Structures are given as C-alpha cells and as structure tokens.
Amino acid sequence: MAKMKIISVQLPQSMIHGLDALVKRGVFPNRSEAIRVAIRELLKKELYKEELQEELPEYLVR
C-alpha cells in the first residue's frame, strides 16, 4: 500500500454524522476509508471524463 499522508478537511457536521452512520453500519471500517473511497471514485469519474472528452469529436462532448 502507498504511504499515506495526513490532510485536514473541514466538513459540515451533517456530513460527519453521515460518515459515522456508514461506519456504524459496517459499510466502512472508519471515516478515513470512507473518505478515501469517495475521493477515489471522484477522481476516476472526473479523470475518465476528461480523457474521454479528449478522444471524442468536439460536437459530441457536452
């Protein structure tokens, strides 16, 4: 596994409650893993979209 680095993120209390609910239900082992999964999915989605747009003709990208 890659070396982890610590970052600080400010979240609204409602999001923290949501993260804690997912951990309590056993969906994730802890908040950090839930946040890692969310960021990983965001990066895949956004980077894939960017790569796809570069390959498609301009009139198809919107």
PDB file of N, CA and C in Angstrom:
ATOM      1  N   MET A   1       0.846  -1.181   0.000  1.00  0.00           N
ATOM      2  CA  MET A   1       0.000   0.000   0.000  1.00  0.00           C
ATOM      3  C   MET A   1       0.888   1.240   0.000  1.00  0.00           C
ATOM      4  N   ALA A   2       0.451   2.264  -0.707  1.00  0.00           N
ATOM      5  CA  ALA A   2       1.214   3.513  -0.790  1.00  0.00           C
ATOM      6  C   ALA A   2       1.270   4.188   0.579  1.00  0.00           C
ATOM      7  N   LYS A   3       2.346   4.920   0.789  1.00  0.00           N
ATOM      8  CA  LYS A   3       2.483   5.653   2.045  1.00  0.00           C
ATOM      9  C   LYS A   3       1.383   6.704   2.134  1.00  0.00           C
ATOM     10  N   MET A   4       0.737   6.757   3.259  1.00  0.00           N
ATOM     11  CA  MET A   4      -0.365   7.695   3.471  1.00  0.00           C
ATOM     12  C   MET A   4       0.166   9.009   4.010  1.00  0.00           C
ATOM     13  N   LYS A   5      -0.470  10.087   3.612  1.00  0.00           N
ATOM     14  CA  LYS A   5      -0.170  11.407   4.141  1.00  0.00           C
ATOM     15  C   LYS A   5      -1.431  11.954   4.782  1.00  0.00           C
ATOM     16  N   ILE A   6      -1.260  12.733   5.795  1.00  0.00           N
ATOM     17  CA  ILE A   6      -2.393  13.321   6.505  1.00  0.00           C
ATOM     18  C   ILE A   6      -2.742  14.658   5.871  1.00  0.00           C
ATOM     19  N   ILE A   7      -4.043  14.857   5.629  1.00  0.00           N
ATOM     20  CA  ILE A   7      -4.551  16.152   5.186  1.00  0.00           C
ATOM     21  C   ILE A   7      -5.682  16.543   6.133  1.00  0.00           C
ATOM     22  N   SER A   8      -5.940  17.818   6.218  1.00  0.00           N
ATOM     23  CA  SER A   8      -7.046  18.301   7.041  1.00  0.00           C
ATOM     24  C   SER A   8      -8.176  18.741   6.126  1.00  0.00           C
ATOM     25  N   VAL A   9      -9.372  18.343   6.472  1.00  0.00           N
ATOM     26  CA  VAL A   9     -10.555  18.699   5.695  1.00  0.00           C
ATOM     27  C   VAL A   9     -11.627  19.178   6.654  1.00  0.00           C
ATOM     28  N   GLN A  10     -12.234  20.287   6.316  1.00  0.00           N
ATOM     29  CA  GLN A  10     -13.343  20.776   7.122  1.00  0.00           C
ATOM     30  C   GLN A  10     -14.647  20.333   6.469  1.00  0.00           C
ATOM     31  N   LEU A  11     -15.499  19.697   7.257  1.00  0.00           N
ATOM     32  CA  LEU A  11     -16.779  19.192   6.767  1.00  0.00           C
ATOM     33  C   LEU A  11     -17.910  19.696   7.646  1.00  0.00           C
ATOM     34  N   PRO A  12     -19.074  19.885   7.052  1.00  0.00           N
ATOM     35  CA  PRO A  12     -20.240  20.228   7.878  1.00  0.00           C
ATOM     36  C   PRO A  12     -20.569  19.061   8.809  1.00  0.00           C
ATOM     37  N   GLN A  13     -21.139  19.370   9.934  1.00  0.00           N
ATOM     38  CA  GLN A  13     -21.482  18.352  10.916  1.00  0.00           C
ATOM     39  C   GLN A  13     -22.377  17.269  10.324  1.00  0.00           C
ATOM     40  N   SER A  14     -23.264  17.649   9.411  1.00  0.00           N
ATOM     41  CA  SER A  14     -24.166  16.661   8.811  1.00  0.00           C
ATOM     42  C   SER A  14     -23.392  15.599   8.025  1.00  0.00           C
ATOM     43  N   MET A  15     -22.314  15.997   7.354  1.00  0.00           N
ATOM     44  CA  MET A  15     -21.509  15.017   6.627  1.00  0.00           C
ATOM     45  C   MET A  15     -20.761  14.102   7.583  1.00  0.00           C
ATOM     46  N   ILE A  16     -20.298  14.653   8.673  1.00  0.00           N
ATOM     47  CA  ILE A  16     -19.608  13.842   9.686  1.00  0.00           C
ATOM     48  C   ILE A  16     -20.574  12.819  10.272  1.00  0.00           C
ATOM     49  N   HIS A  17     -21.801  13.245  10.545  1.00  0.00           N
ATOM     50  CA  HIS A  17     -22.812  12.301  11.044  1.00  0.00           C
ATOM     51  C   HIS A  17     -23.062  11.197  10.015  1.00  0.00           C
ATOM     52  N   GLY A  18     -23.120  11.579   8.734  1.00  0.00           N
ATOM     53  CA  GLY A  18     -23.320  10.587   7.684  1.00  0.00           C
ATOM     54  C   GLY A  18     -22.173   9.590   7.615  1.00  0.00           C
ATOM     55  N   LEU A  19     -20.940  10.095   7.687  1.00  0.00           N
ATOM     56  CA  LEU A  19     -19.782   9.206   7.697  1.00  0.00           C
ATOM     57  C   LEU A  19     -19.837   8.252   8.885  1.00  0.00           C
ATOM     58  N   ASP A  20     -20.154   8.806  10.045  1.00  0.00           N
ATOM     59  CA  ASP A  20     -20.230   7.974  11.253  1.00  0.00           C
ATOM     60  C   ASP A  20     -21.324   6.914  11.132  1.00  0.00           C
ATOM     61  N   ALA A  21     -22.431   7.256  10.482  1.00  0.00           N
ATOM     62  CA  ALA A  21     -23.508   6.282  10.292  1.00  0.00           C
ATOM     63  C   ALA A  21     -23.032   5.140   9.390  1.00  0.00           C
ATOM     64  N   LEU A  22     -22.283   5.455   8.343  1.00  0.00           N
ATOM     65  CA  LEU A  22     -21.765   4.412   7.461  1.00  0.00           C
ATOM     66  C   LEU A  22     -20.783   3.508   8.198  1.00  0.00           C
ATOM     67  N   VAL A  23     -19.956   4.096   9.045  1.00  0.00           N
ATOM     68  CA  VAL A  23     -19.011   3.309   9.845  1.00  0.00           C
ATOM     69  C   VAL A  23     -19.780   2.428  10.832  1.00  0.00           C
ATOM     70  N   LYS A  24     -20.770   2.999  11.480  1.00  0.00           N
ATOM     71  CA  LYS A  24     -21.551   2.241  12.476  1.00  0.00           C
ATOM     72  C   LYS A  24     -22.272   1.060  11.824  1.00  0.00           C
ATOM     73  N   ARG A  25     -22.751   1.239  10.598  1.00  0.00           N
ATOM     74  CA  ARG A  25     -23.432   0.161   9.871  1.00  0.00           C
ATOM     75  C   ARG A  25     -22.462  -0.885   9.333  1.00  0.00           C
ATOM     76  N   GLY A  26     -21.176  -0.586   9.400  1.00  0.00           N
ATOM     77  CA  GLY A  26     -20.180  -1.532   8.924  1.00  0.00           C
ATOM     78  C   GLY A  26     -19.876  -1.418   7.434  1.00  0.00           C
ATOM     79  N   VAL A  27     -20.372  -0.357   6.804  1.00  0.00           N
ATOM     80  CA  VAL A  27     -20.091  -0.155   5.383  1.00  0.00           C
ATOM     81  C   VAL A  27     -18.605   0.136   5.183  1.00  0.00           C
ATOM     82  N   PHE A  28     -18.021   0.891   6.095  1.00  0.00           N
ATOM     83  CA  PHE A  28     -16.599   1.212   6.085  1.00  0.00           C
ATOM     84  C   PHE A  28     -16.037   0.982   7.476  1.00  0.00           C
ATOM     85  N   PRO A  29     -14.754   0.645   7.559  1.00  0.00           N
ATOM     86  CA  PRO A  29     -14.169   0.403   8.880  1.00  0.00           C
ATOM     87  C   PRO A  29     -13.938   1.689   9.683  1.00  0.00           C
ATOM     88  N   ASN A  30     -13.812   2.820   8.979  1.00  0.00           N
ATOM     89  CA  ASN A  30     -13.565   4.091   9.655  1.00  0.00           C
ATOM     90  C   ASN A  30     -13.835   5.249   8.699  1.00  0.00           C
ATOM     91  N   ARG A  31     -13.819   6.460   9.223  1.00  0.00           N
ATOM     92  CA  ARG A  31     -14.074   7.653   8.405  1.00  0.00           C
ATOM     93  C   ARG A  31     -13.056   7.797   7.284  1.00  0.00           C
ATOM     94  N   SER A  32     -11.806   7.560   7.612  1.00  0.00           N
ATOM     95  CA  SER A  32     -10.745   7.736   6.615  1.00  0.00           C
ATOM     96  C   SER A  32     -10.969   6.863   5.386  1.00  0.00           C
ATOM     97  N   GLU A  33     -11.346   5.622   5.601  1.00  0.00           N
ATOM     98  CA  GLU A  33     -11.574   4.734   4.462  1.00  0.00           C
ATOM     99  C   GLU A  33     -12.771   5.203   3.644  1.00  0.00           C
ATOM    100  N   ALA A  34     -13.819   5.661   4.293  1.00  0.00           N
ATOM    101  CA  ALA A  34     -14.981   6.180   3.566  1.00  0.00           C
ATOM    102  C   ALA A  34     -14.590   7.375   2.707  1.00  0.00           C
ATOM    103  N   ILE A  35     -13.790   8.254   3.248  1.00  0.00           N
ATOM    104  CA  ILE A  35     -13.352   9.441   2.510  1.00  0.00           C
ATOM    105  C   ILE A  35     -12.422   9.037   1.368  1.00  0.00           C
ATOM    106  N   ARG A  36     -11.524   8.079   1.599  1.00  0.00           N
ATOM    107  CA  ARG A  36     -10.632   7.604   0.530  1.00  0.00           C
ATOM    108  C   ARG A  36     -11.437   7.030  -0.635  1.00  0.00           C
ATOM    109  N   VAL A  37     -12.440   6.225  -0.315  1.00  0.00           N
ATOM    110  CA  VAL A  37     -13.272   5.625  -1.368  1.00  0.00           C
ATOM    111  C   VAL A  37     -14.003   6.716  -2.146  1.00  0.00           C
ATOM    112  N   ALA A  38     -14.554   7.697  -1.454  1.00  0.00           N
ATOM    113  CA  ALA A  38     -15.273   8.779  -2.121  1.00  0.00           C
ATOM    114  C   ALA A  38     -14.343   9.571  -3.043  1.00  0.00           C
ATOM    115  N   ILE A  39     -13.158   9.875  -2.571  1.00  0.00           N
ATOM    116  CA  ILE A  39     -12.203  10.631  -3.390  1.00  0.00           C
ATOM    117  C   ILE A  39     -11.736   9.794  -4.574  1.00  0.00           C
ATOM    118  N   ARG A  40     -11.476   8.510  -4.352  1.00  0.00           N
ATOM    119  CA  ARG A  40     -11.059   7.623  -5.438  1.00  0.00           C
ATOM    120  C   ARG A  40     -12.116   7.590  -6.536  1.00  0.00           C
ATOM    121  N   GLU A  41     -13.381   7.461  -6.151  1.00  0.00           N
ATOM    122  CA  GLU A  41     -14.467   7.430  -7.137  1.00  0.00           C
ATOM    123  C   GLU A  41     -14.586   8.765  -7.875  1.00  0.00           C
ATOM    124  N   LEU A  42     -14.436   9.873  -7.170  1.00  0.00           N
ATOM    125  CA  LEU A  42     -14.471  11.193  -7.795  1.00  0.00           C
ATOM    126  C   LEU A  42     -13.347  11.332  -8.821  1.00  0.00           C
ATOM    127  N   LEU A  43     -12.146  10.933  -8.446  1.00  0.00           N
ATOM    128  CA  LEU A  43     -11.005  11.035  -9.355  1.00  0.00           C
ATOM    129  C   LEU A  43     -11.203  10.159 -10.589  1.00  0.00           C
ATOM    130  N   LYS A  44     -11.681   8.925 -10.392  1.00  0.00           N
ATOM    131  CA  LYS A  44     -11.929   8.051 -11.535  1.00  0.00           C
ATOM    132  C   LYS A  44     -12.965   8.672 -12.462  1.00  0.00           C
ATOM    133  N   LYS A  45     -14.035   9.171 -11.888  1.00  0.00           N
ATOM    134  CA  LYS A  45     -15.111   9.763 -12.689  1.00  0.00           C
ATOM    135  C   LYS A  45     -14.623  10.984 -13.450  1.00  0.00           C
ATOM    136  N   GLU A  46     -13.985  11.900 -12.770  1.00  0.00           N
ATOM    137  CA  GLU A  46     -13.572  13.150 -13.392  1.00  0.00           C
ATOM    138  C   GLU A  46     -12.399  12.963 -14.353  1.00  0.00           C
ATOM    139  N   LEU A  47     -11.445  12.149 -13.999  1.00  0.00           N
ATOM    140  CA  LEU A  47     -10.311  11.922 -14.889  1.00  0.00           C
ATOM    141  C   LEU A  47     -10.736  11.120 -16.113  1.00  0.00           C
ATOM    142  N   TYR A  48     -11.625  10.159 -15.926  1.00  0.00           N
ATOM    143  CA  TYR A  48     -12.125   9.385 -17.055  1.00  0.00           C
ATOM    144  C   TYR A  48     -12.898  10.294 -17.993  1.00  0.00           C
ATOM    145  N   LYS A  49     -13.724  11.166 -17.428  1.00  0.00           N
ATOM    146  CA  LYS A  49     -14.500  12.088 -18.249  1.00  0.00           C
ATOM    147  C   LYS A  49     -13.563  12.973 -19.067  1.00  0.00           C
ATOM    148  N   GLU A  50     -12.497  13.450 -18.443  1.00  0.00           N
ATOM    149  CA  GLU A  50     -11.526  14.303 -19.121  1.00  0.00           C
ATOM    150  C   GLU A  50     -10.837  13.550 -20.249  1.00  0.00           C
ATOM    151  N   GLU A  51     -10.426  12.312 -19.990  1.00  0.00           N
ATOM    152  CA  GLU A  51      -9.769  11.510 -21.013  1.00  0.00           C
ATOM    153  C   GLU A  51     -10.717  11.194 -22.153  1.00  0.00           C
ATOM    154  N   LEU A  52     -11.968  10.904 -21.823  1.00  0.00           N
ATOM    155  CA  LEU A  52     -12.966  10.590 -22.833  1.00  0.00           C
ATOM    156  C   LEU A  52     -13.217  11.800 -23.724  1.00  0.00           C
ATOM    157  N   GLN A  53     -13.295  12.983 -23.135  1.00  0.00           N
ATOM    158  CA  GLN A  53     -13.544  14.198 -23.907  1.00  0.00           C
ATOM    159  C   GLN A  53     -12.408  14.471 -24.888  1.00  0.00           C
ATOM    160  N   GLU A  54     -11.191  14.154 -24.517  1.00  0.00           N
ATOM    161  CA  GLU A  54     -10.047  14.375 -25.405  1.00  0.00           C
ATOM    162  C   GLU A  54     -10.107  13.466 -26.626  1.00  0.00           C
ATOM    163  N   GLU A  55     -10.754  12.308 -26.491  1.00  0.00           N
ATOM    164  CA  GLU A  55     -10.803  11.346 -27.580  1.00  0.00           C
ATOM    165  C   GLU A  55     -11.990  11.562 -28.511  1.00  0.00           C
ATOM    166  N   LEU A  56     -13.054  12.203 -28.036  1.00  0.00           N
ATOM    167  CA  LEU A  56     -14.258  12.375 -28.828  1.00  0.00           C
ATOM    168  C   LEU A  56     -14.211  13.650 -29.659  1.00  0.00           C
ATOM    169  N   PRO A  57     -14.908  13.645 -30.779  1.00  0.00           N
ATOM    170  CA  PRO A  57     -15.022  14.888 -31.538  1.00  0.00           C
ATOM    171  C   PRO A  57     -15.718  15.953 -30.695  1.00  0.00           C
ATOM    172  N   GLU A  58     -15.388  17.199 -30.930  1.00  0.00           N
ATOM    173  CA  GLU A  58     -15.892  18.292 -30.101  1.00  0.00           C
ATOM    174  C   GLU A  58     -17.424  18.333 -30.043  1.00  0.00           C
ATOM    175  N   TYR A  59     -18.089  18.036 -31.144  1.00  0.00           N
ATOM    176  CA  TYR A  59     -19.548  18.124 -31.164  1.00  0.00           C
ATOM    177  C   TYR A  59     -20.231  17.060 -30.294  1.00  0.00           C
ATOM    178  N   LEU A  60     -19.494  16.038 -29.904  1.00  0.00           N
ATOM    179  CA  LEU A  60     -20.067  15.002 -29.042  1.00  0.00           C
ATOM    180  C   LEU A  60     -19.819  15.269 -27.558  1.00  0.00           C
ATOM    181  N   VAL A  61     -18.972  16.231 -27.235  1.00  0.00           N
ATOM    182  CA  VAL A  61     -18.592  16.493 -25.861  1.00  0.00           C
ATOM    183  C   VAL A  61     -19.473  17.598 -25.305  1.00  0.00           C
ATOM    184  N   ARG A  62     -20.289  17.273 -24.344  1.00  0.00           N
ATOM    185  CA  ARG A  62     -21.133  18.280 -23.675  1.00  0.00           C
ATOM    186  C   ARG A  62     -21.581  17.773 -22.355  1.00  0.00           C
TER     187      ARG A  62
END
